[in-house]
Amino acid sequence: MLPPEVAAEVAAPGEEPVADGSAEGPREPRHVHAVPTSEELKASRAVEVFNASEHPRTVAGVARSLGAPGVSVQPADAQASVVRIVVAWELCWYRYEVELADEASNGVRPAGQGYELSELAPEEQAVNAGADDHGRLVLAG
């Protein structure tokens, strides 16, 4: 067994010596993020993740025909790391869920769509964001 100071010198770059003197292999990158604690921070991060996805193209395409949508960005009640985004026009709506705890593997996923605003819960109709010409979301205020 090598003394710790020698083990540190012989460990390959990117490897960390372990207590028994052997070198540990390179670590896998982690894609888990700390979940923001306030509703404002959750909404802000969810909008950033949404805007980096392919979904703004859908929003922009529908907006070219139907005009600017109303957008609701709300943390999910049952799951602290999930934020729900509803993009709605008078003739249709799309619901997305953003998983803030594991953005790399889950990211933004479609969670529903419909044609009647009455299908949405009241909080999903509470507009607190909008969309630009490219379908990117922008929080109000």
N, C-alpha and C. Protein backbone atom coordinates (compact mmCIF):
# COMPACT_ATOMS: atom_id res chain seq x y z
N MET A 1 0.86 -1.17 0.00
CA MET A 1 0.00 0.00 0.00
C MET A 1 0.90 1.23 0.00
N LEU A 2 0.55 2.21 -0.84
CA LEU A 2 1.33 3.44 -0.96
C LEU A 2 0.90 4.45 0.09
N PRO A 3 1.84 5.24 0.61
CA PRO A 3 1.44 6.33 1.49
C PRO A 3 0.57 7.31 0.71
N PRO A 4 -0.37 8.00 1.37
CA PRO A 4 -1.31 8.90 0.66
C PRO A 4 -0.63 9.95 -0.20
N GLU A 5 0.52 10.51 0.27
CA GLU A 5 1.18 11.54 -0.53
C GLU A 5 1.75 10.98 -1.83
N VAL A 6 2.20 9.71 -1.81
CA VAL A 6 2.71 9.07 -3.02
C VAL A 6 1.55 8.69 -3.93
N ALA A 7 0.47 8.18 -3.35
CA ALA A 7 -0.71 7.80 -4.14
C ALA A 7 -1.24 9.01 -4.90
N ALA A 8 -1.22 10.18 -4.28
CA ALA A 8 -1.69 11.40 -4.94
C ALA A 8 -0.82 11.73 -6.13
N GLU A 9 0.47 11.45 -6.07
CA GLU A 9 1.38 11.76 -7.18
C GLU A 9 1.22 10.79 -8.34
N VAL A 10 0.89 9.52 -8.05
CA VAL A 10 0.81 8.53 -9.13
C VAL A 10 -0.59 8.38 -9.70
N ALA A 11 -1.59 9.02 -9.08
CA ALA A 11 -2.95 8.95 -9.62
C ALA A 11 -2.97 9.68 -10.96
N ALA A 12 -3.64 9.11 -11.92
CA ALA A 12 -3.74 9.72 -13.25
C ALA A 12 -4.56 11.01 -13.15
N PRO A 13 -4.35 11.95 -14.08
CA PRO A 13 -5.16 13.17 -14.06
C PRO A 13 -6.64 12.82 -14.12
N GLY A 14 -7.42 13.51 -13.33
CA GLY A 14 -8.86 13.27 -13.30
C GLY A 14 -9.25 12.18 -12.32
N GLU A 15 -8.25 11.48 -11.74
CA GLU A 15 -8.54 10.45 -10.76
C GLU A 15 -8.19 10.98 -9.39
N GLU A 16 -8.88 10.48 -8.40
CA GLU A 16 -8.62 10.91 -7.05
C GLU A 16 -8.10 9.72 -6.26
N PRO A 17 -7.06 9.92 -5.45
CA PRO A 17 -6.60 8.82 -4.62
C PRO A 17 -7.64 8.52 -3.56
N VAL A 18 -7.77 7.25 -3.21
CA VAL A 18 -8.69 6.87 -2.15
C VAL A 18 -7.89 6.46 -0.93
N ALA A 19 -8.57 6.24 0.18
CA ALA A 19 -7.90 6.03 1.46
C ALA A 19 -6.88 4.89 1.45
N ASP A 20 -7.12 3.81 0.67
CA ASP A 20 -6.19 2.69 0.69
C ASP A 20 -5.01 2.89 -0.25
N GLY A 21 -4.92 4.07 -0.88
CA GLY A 21 -3.79 4.37 -1.75
C GLY A 21 -4.02 4.05 -3.20
N SER A 22 -5.10 3.33 -3.52
CA SER A 22 -5.38 3.04 -4.92
C SER A 22 -6.04 4.25 -5.56
N ALA A 23 -6.01 4.33 -6.86
CA ALA A 23 -6.63 5.45 -7.56
C ALA A 23 -8.05 5.08 -7.96
N GLU A 24 -8.95 6.01 -7.78
CA GLU A 24 -10.33 5.82 -8.18
C GLU A 24 -10.47 6.27 -9.62
N GLY A 25 -11.29 5.61 -10.43
CA GLY A 25 -11.49 6.00 -11.82
C GLY A 25 -12.15 7.35 -11.94
N PRO A 26 -12.17 7.92 -13.15
CA PRO A 26 -12.81 9.22 -13.34
C PRO A 26 -14.28 9.14 -12.96
N ARG A 27 -14.76 10.21 -12.41
CA ARG A 27 -16.16 10.24 -11.98
C ARG A 27 -17.06 10.62 -13.14
N GLU A 28 -18.24 10.01 -13.13
CA GLU A 28 -19.24 10.35 -14.13
C GLU A 28 -19.77 11.74 -13.83
N PRO A 29 -19.99 12.56 -14.85
CA PRO A 29 -20.57 13.88 -14.58
C PRO A 29 -21.99 13.74 -14.05
N ARG A 30 -22.32 14.55 -13.08
CA ARG A 30 -23.66 14.51 -12.51
C ARG A 30 -24.51 15.59 -13.16
N HIS A 31 -25.74 15.24 -13.47
CA HIS A 31 -26.65 16.18 -14.11
C HIS A 31 -27.79 16.57 -13.17
N VAL A 32 -27.63 16.26 -11.91
CA VAL A 32 -28.65 16.60 -10.93
C VAL A 32 -28.35 17.99 -10.41
N HIS A 33 -29.37 18.83 -10.37
CA HIS A 33 -29.22 20.21 -9.93
C HIS A 33 -30.00 20.43 -8.65
N ALA A 34 -29.55 21.37 -7.87
CA ALA A 34 -30.31 21.77 -6.70
C ALA A 34 -31.60 22.43 -7.18
N VAL A 35 -32.68 22.09 -6.57
CA VAL A 35 -33.97 22.65 -6.96
C VAL A 35 -34.15 23.98 -6.22
N PRO A 36 -34.44 25.06 -6.96
CA PRO A 36 -34.68 26.34 -6.29
C PRO A 36 -35.81 26.20 -5.27
N THR A 37 -35.76 27.00 -4.22
CA THR A 37 -36.75 26.85 -3.16
C THR A 37 -37.95 27.77 -3.31
N SER A 38 -37.79 28.94 -3.86
CA SER A 38 -38.94 29.85 -3.99
C SER A 38 -39.67 29.61 -5.31
N GLU A 39 -40.94 29.96 -5.32
CA GLU A 39 -41.73 29.80 -6.55
C GLU A 39 -41.18 30.65 -7.68
N GLU A 40 -40.72 31.86 -7.36
CA GLU A 40 -40.16 32.74 -8.39
C GLU A 40 -38.91 32.14 -9.03
N LEU A 41 -38.02 31.59 -8.20
CA LEU A 41 -36.80 30.99 -8.73
C LEU A 41 -37.10 29.73 -9.54
N LYS A 42 -38.07 28.93 -9.07
CA LYS A 42 -38.46 27.74 -9.82
C LYS A 42 -39.01 28.13 -11.19
N ALA A 43 -39.89 29.14 -11.21
CA ALA A 43 -40.48 29.58 -12.47
C ALA A 43 -39.41 30.11 -13.41
N SER A 44 -38.49 30.90 -12.89
CA SER A 44 -37.42 31.47 -13.70
C SER A 44 -36.55 30.37 -14.30
N ARG A 45 -36.16 29.39 -13.49
CA ARG A 45 -35.31 28.31 -14.00
C ARG A 45 -36.08 27.46 -15.01
N ALA A 46 -37.35 27.20 -14.76
CA ALA A 46 -38.16 26.40 -15.68
C ALA A 46 -38.26 27.08 -17.05
N VAL A 47 -38.41 28.40 -17.05
CA VAL A 47 -38.47 29.16 -18.30
C VAL A 47 -37.14 29.03 -19.05
N GLU A 48 -36.02 29.12 -18.34
CA GLU A 48 -34.71 28.96 -18.98
C GLU A 48 -34.57 27.59 -19.63
N VAL A 49 -34.98 26.55 -18.90
CA VAL A 49 -34.89 25.18 -19.42
C VAL A 49 -35.81 25.02 -20.62
N PHE A 50 -37.03 25.54 -20.54
CA PHE A 50 -37.97 25.47 -21.66
C PHE A 50 -37.39 26.15 -22.89
N ASN A 51 -36.85 27.35 -22.70
CA ASN A 51 -36.33 28.12 -23.83
C ASN A 51 -35.13 27.45 -24.49
N ALA A 52 -34.42 26.60 -23.77
CA ALA A 52 -33.28 25.87 -24.33
C ALA A 52 -33.70 24.57 -25.01
N SER A 53 -34.98 24.23 -24.94
CA SER A 53 -35.49 22.99 -25.54
C SER A 53 -35.97 23.25 -26.97
N GLU A 54 -36.54 22.21 -27.58
CA GLU A 54 -37.08 22.36 -28.93
C GLU A 54 -38.52 22.89 -28.93
N HIS A 55 -39.14 23.00 -27.77
CA HIS A 55 -40.56 23.36 -27.69
C HIS A 55 -40.90 24.80 -28.08
N PRO A 56 -40.00 25.77 -27.94
CA PRO A 56 -40.36 27.11 -28.44
C PRO A 56 -40.72 27.13 -29.93
N ARG A 57 -40.19 26.21 -30.71
CA ARG A 57 -40.56 26.14 -32.13
C ARG A 57 -42.05 25.87 -32.30
N THR A 58 -42.58 24.97 -31.47
CA THR A 58 -44.02 24.68 -31.52
C THR A 58 -44.82 25.92 -31.16
N VAL A 59 -44.42 26.59 -30.09
CA VAL A 59 -45.12 27.80 -29.65
C VAL A 59 -45.09 28.86 -30.74
N ALA A 60 -43.93 29.07 -31.33
CA ALA A 60 -43.80 30.08 -32.39
C ALA A 60 -44.66 29.73 -33.60
N GLY A 61 -44.68 28.46 -33.97
CA GLY A 61 -45.47 28.03 -35.13
C GLY A 61 -46.96 28.26 -34.92
N VAL A 62 -47.48 27.89 -33.76
CA VAL A 62 -48.90 28.10 -33.48
C VAL A 62 -49.20 29.59 -33.37
N ALA A 63 -48.29 30.34 -32.76
CA ALA A 63 -48.50 31.78 -32.59
C ALA A 63 -48.56 32.52 -33.92
N ARG A 64 -47.88 32.01 -34.93
CA ARG A 64 -47.97 32.65 -36.26
C ARG A 64 -49.39 32.60 -36.79
N SER A 65 -50.13 31.56 -36.44
CA SER A 65 -51.52 31.43 -36.90
C SER A 65 -52.53 32.05 -35.94
N LEU A 66 -52.31 31.87 -34.63
CA LEU A 66 -53.32 32.24 -33.65
C LEU A 66 -53.00 33.50 -32.83
N GLY A 67 -51.81 34.04 -33.01
CA GLY A 67 -51.43 35.22 -32.24
C GLY A 67 -50.70 34.84 -30.96
N ALA A 68 -50.46 35.84 -30.15
CA ALA A 68 -49.69 35.64 -28.92
C ALA A 68 -50.49 34.80 -27.91
N PRO A 69 -49.82 33.85 -27.26
CA PRO A 69 -50.51 33.02 -26.28
C PRO A 69 -50.48 33.65 -24.89
N GLY A 70 -51.33 33.15 -24.03
CA GLY A 70 -51.21 33.40 -22.60
C GLY A 70 -50.42 32.25 -22.02
N VAL A 71 -49.53 32.54 -21.10
CA VAL A 71 -48.66 31.49 -20.56
C VAL A 71 -48.76 31.49 -19.04
N SER A 72 -48.92 30.30 -18.48
CA SER A 72 -48.94 30.11 -17.04
C SER A 72 -47.75 29.24 -16.65
N VAL A 73 -46.96 29.72 -15.71
CA VAL A 73 -45.81 28.97 -15.20
C VAL A 73 -46.02 28.80 -13.71
N GLN A 74 -46.28 27.56 -13.26
CA GLN A 74 -46.62 27.29 -11.87
C GLN A 74 -45.91 26.04 -11.37
N PRO A 75 -45.30 26.09 -10.17
CA PRO A 75 -44.76 24.86 -9.57
C PRO A 75 -45.88 23.85 -9.34
N ALA A 76 -45.60 22.58 -9.57
CA ALA A 76 -46.59 21.53 -9.33
C ALA A 76 -46.78 21.34 -7.84
N ASP A 77 -48.00 21.15 -7.41
CA ASP A 77 -48.29 20.98 -5.99
C ASP A 77 -47.70 19.69 -5.43
N ALA A 78 -47.84 18.60 -6.17
CA ALA A 78 -47.45 17.29 -5.66
C ALA A 78 -45.95 17.01 -5.75
N GLN A 79 -45.24 17.65 -6.65
CA GLN A 79 -43.82 17.38 -6.85
C GLN A 79 -43.03 18.68 -6.76
N ALA A 80 -42.21 18.80 -5.74
CA ALA A 80 -41.48 20.05 -5.49
C ALA A 80 -40.51 20.42 -6.61
N SER A 81 -40.03 19.43 -7.37
CA SER A 81 -39.03 19.72 -8.40
C SER A 81 -39.63 19.90 -9.79
N VAL A 82 -40.95 19.86 -9.90
CA VAL A 82 -41.61 19.97 -11.21
C VAL A 82 -42.34 21.31 -11.32
N VAL A 83 -42.17 21.93 -12.48
CA VAL A 83 -42.89 23.17 -12.79
C VAL A 83 -43.74 22.90 -14.03
N ARG A 84 -45.01 23.30 -13.97
CA ARG A 84 -45.92 23.12 -15.11
C ARG A 84 -46.01 24.42 -15.88
N ILE A 85 -45.92 24.30 -17.19
CA ILE A 85 -46.06 25.44 -18.08
C ILE A 85 -47.23 25.15 -19.01
N VAL A 86 -48.18 26.08 -19.05
CA VAL A 86 -49.31 25.96 -19.96
C VAL A 86 -49.25 27.15 -20.91
N VAL A 87 -49.24 26.84 -22.20
CA VAL A 87 -49.25 27.86 -23.25
C VAL A 87 -50.61 27.74 -23.92
N ALA A 88 -51.41 28.81 -23.86
CA ALA A 88 -52.80 28.70 -24.30
C ALA A 88 -53.23 29.84 -25.22
N TRP A 89 -54.04 29.45 -26.20
CA TRP A 89 -54.73 30.37 -27.09
C TRP A 89 -56.22 30.09 -26.92
N GLU A 90 -57.08 30.84 -27.56
CA GLU A 90 -58.51 30.57 -27.45
C GLU A 90 -58.90 29.23 -28.05
N LEU A 91 -58.14 28.76 -29.05
CA LEU A 91 -58.52 27.54 -29.76
C LEU A 91 -57.74 26.28 -29.36
N CYS A 92 -56.67 26.42 -28.58
CA CYS A 92 -55.90 25.25 -28.17
C CYS A 92 -54.95 25.60 -27.04
N TRP A 93 -54.41 24.58 -26.39
CA TRP A 93 -53.42 24.77 -25.33
C TRP A 93 -52.46 23.58 -25.31
N TYR A 94 -51.29 23.84 -24.77
CA TYR A 94 -50.25 22.82 -24.58
C TYR A 94 -49.75 22.91 -23.15
N ARG A 95 -49.59 21.76 -22.50
CA ARG A 95 -49.04 21.71 -21.15
C ARG A 95 -47.68 21.00 -21.21
N TYR A 96 -46.71 21.58 -20.54
CA TYR A 96 -45.37 21.00 -20.44
C TYR A 96 -45.01 20.88 -18.97
N GLU A 97 -44.16 19.91 -18.64
CA GLU A 97 -43.62 19.78 -17.30
C GLU A 97 -42.11 19.88 -17.39
N VAL A 98 -41.53 20.67 -16.51
CA VAL A 98 -40.08 20.83 -16.45
C VAL A 98 -39.62 20.20 -15.14
N GLU A 99 -38.72 19.22 -15.24
CA GLU A 99 -38.14 18.55 -14.07
C GLU A 99 -36.85 19.26 -13.71
N LEU A 100 -36.87 20.05 -12.64
CA LEU A 100 -35.71 20.84 -12.27
C LEU A 100 -34.61 20.03 -11.59
N ALA A 101 -34.97 18.90 -10.98
CA ALA A 101 -33.97 18.11 -10.27
C ALA A 101 -33.07 17.31 -11.21
N ASP A 102 -33.56 17.02 -12.40
CA ASP A 102 -32.79 16.21 -13.34
C ASP A 102 -33.05 16.70 -14.75
N GLU A 103 -32.57 17.91 -15.02
CA GLU A 103 -32.85 18.57 -16.29
C GLU A 103 -32.27 17.82 -17.49
N ALA A 104 -31.11 17.19 -17.32
CA ALA A 104 -30.44 16.55 -18.45
C ALA A 104 -31.22 15.36 -18.99
N SER A 105 -31.76 14.52 -18.11
CA SER A 105 -32.44 13.34 -18.63
C SER A 105 -33.94 13.55 -18.82
N ASN A 106 -34.55 14.38 -17.99
CA ASN A 106 -35.99 14.61 -18.13
C ASN A 106 -36.30 15.92 -18.83
N GLY A 107 -35.66 16.98 -18.41
CA GLY A 107 -35.84 18.28 -19.04
C GLY A 107 -37.29 18.68 -19.16
N VAL A 108 -37.69 19.02 -20.37
CA VAL A 108 -39.06 19.46 -20.65
C VAL A 108 -39.78 18.33 -21.35
N ARG A 109 -40.93 17.96 -20.83
CA ARG A 109 -41.72 16.91 -21.47
C ARG A 109 -43.15 17.39 -21.70
N PRO A 110 -43.70 17.09 -22.86
CA PRO A 110 -45.11 17.42 -23.09
C PRO A 110 -45.98 16.64 -22.10
N ALA A 111 -46.97 17.31 -21.52
CA ALA A 111 -47.81 16.66 -20.52
C ALA A 111 -49.29 16.76 -20.84
N GLY A 112 -49.62 17.29 -22.01
CA GLY A 112 -51.02 17.35 -22.40
C GLY A 112 -51.27 18.44 -23.41
N GLN A 113 -52.39 18.32 -24.07
CA GLN A 113 -52.84 19.37 -24.98
C GLN A 113 -54.33 19.23 -25.16
N GLY A 114 -54.95 20.32 -25.57
CA GLY A 114 -56.39 20.29 -25.75
C GLY A 114 -56.85 21.45 -26.59
N TYR A 115 -58.18 21.53 -26.72
CA TYR A 115 -58.76 22.53 -27.60
C TYR A 115 -59.73 23.47 -26.90
N GLU A 116 -60.01 23.22 -25.63
CA GLU A 116 -60.93 24.07 -24.88
C GLU A 116 -60.24 24.59 -23.63
N LEU A 117 -60.27 25.89 -23.41
CA LEU A 117 -59.67 26.45 -22.21
C LEU A 117 -60.36 25.95 -20.95
N SER A 118 -61.62 25.55 -21.07
CA SER A 118 -62.36 25.03 -19.92
C SER A 118 -61.78 23.72 -19.41
N GLU A 119 -60.94 23.06 -20.21
CA GLU A 119 -60.28 21.82 -19.78
C GLU A 119 -59.16 22.09 -18.77
N LEU A 120 -58.76 23.34 -18.66
CA LEU A 120 -57.66 23.71 -17.77
C LEU A 120 -58.17 24.10 -16.39
N ALA A 121 -57.37 23.81 -15.38
CA ALA A 121 -57.69 24.25 -14.02
C ALA A 121 -57.55 25.77 -13.95
N PRO A 122 -58.23 26.42 -13.02
CA PRO A 122 -58.15 27.88 -12.92
C PRO A 122 -56.71 28.41 -12.80
N GLU A 123 -55.87 27.73 -12.02
CA GLU A 123 -54.48 28.20 -11.87
C GLU A 123 -53.69 28.06 -13.17
N GLU A 124 -54.09 27.14 -14.04
CA GLU A 124 -53.41 26.99 -15.33
C GLU A 124 -53.83 28.08 -16.31
N GLN A 125 -54.90 28.78 -15.99
CA GLN A 125 -55.36 29.88 -16.83
C GLN A 125 -54.88 31.24 -16.33
N ALA A 126 -54.21 31.23 -15.17
CA ALA A 126 -53.69 32.48 -14.59
C ALA A 126 -52.40 32.84 -15.31
N VAL A 127 -52.49 33.82 -16.20
CA VAL A 127 -51.36 34.21 -17.04
C VAL A 127 -50.33 34.99 -16.22
N ASN A 128 -49.10 34.49 -16.23
CA ASN A 128 -48.00 35.20 -15.55
C ASN A 128 -46.75 35.27 -16.42
N ALA A 129 -46.92 34.96 -17.72
CA ALA A 129 -45.79 35.00 -18.65
C ALA A 129 -46.34 35.16 -20.07
N GLY A 130 -45.44 35.42 -20.98
CA GLY A 130 -45.80 35.54 -22.39
C GLY A 130 -44.74 34.84 -23.24
N ALA A 131 -44.88 34.98 -24.54
CA ALA A 131 -43.92 34.38 -25.47
C ALA A 131 -43.54 35.41 -26.52
N ASP A 132 -42.27 35.38 -26.93
CA ASP A 132 -41.83 36.30 -27.99
C ASP A 132 -42.09 35.67 -29.35
N ASP A 133 -41.65 36.33 -30.41
CA ASP A 133 -41.89 35.87 -31.78
C ASP A 133 -41.22 34.52 -32.08
N HIS A 134 -40.23 34.16 -31.29
CA HIS A 134 -39.51 32.90 -31.51
C HIS A 134 -40.03 31.78 -30.60
N GLY A 135 -41.08 32.07 -29.84
CA GLY A 135 -41.68 31.06 -28.96
C GLY A 135 -40.98 30.95 -27.62
N ARG A 136 -40.01 31.79 -27.36
CA ARG A 136 -39.32 31.78 -26.07
C ARG A 136 -40.20 32.46 -25.03
N LEU A 137 -40.27 31.85 -23.86
CA LEU A 137 -41.12 32.37 -22.80
C LEU A 137 -40.42 33.49 -22.03
N VAL A 138 -41.24 34.41 -21.54
CA VAL A 138 -40.74 35.53 -20.74
C VAL A 138 -41.72 35.71 -19.58
N LEU A 139 -41.21 35.66 -18.35
CA LEU A 139 -42.06 35.88 -17.19
C LEU A 139 -42.48 37.34 -17.12
N ALA A 140 -43.70 37.58 -16.67
CA ALA A 140 -44.20 38.95 -16.49
C ALA A 140 -43.54 39.58 -15.28
N GLY A 141 -43.37 40.90 -15.37
CA GLY A 141 -42.91 41.68 -14.24
C GLY A 141 -41.53 41.51 -13.92
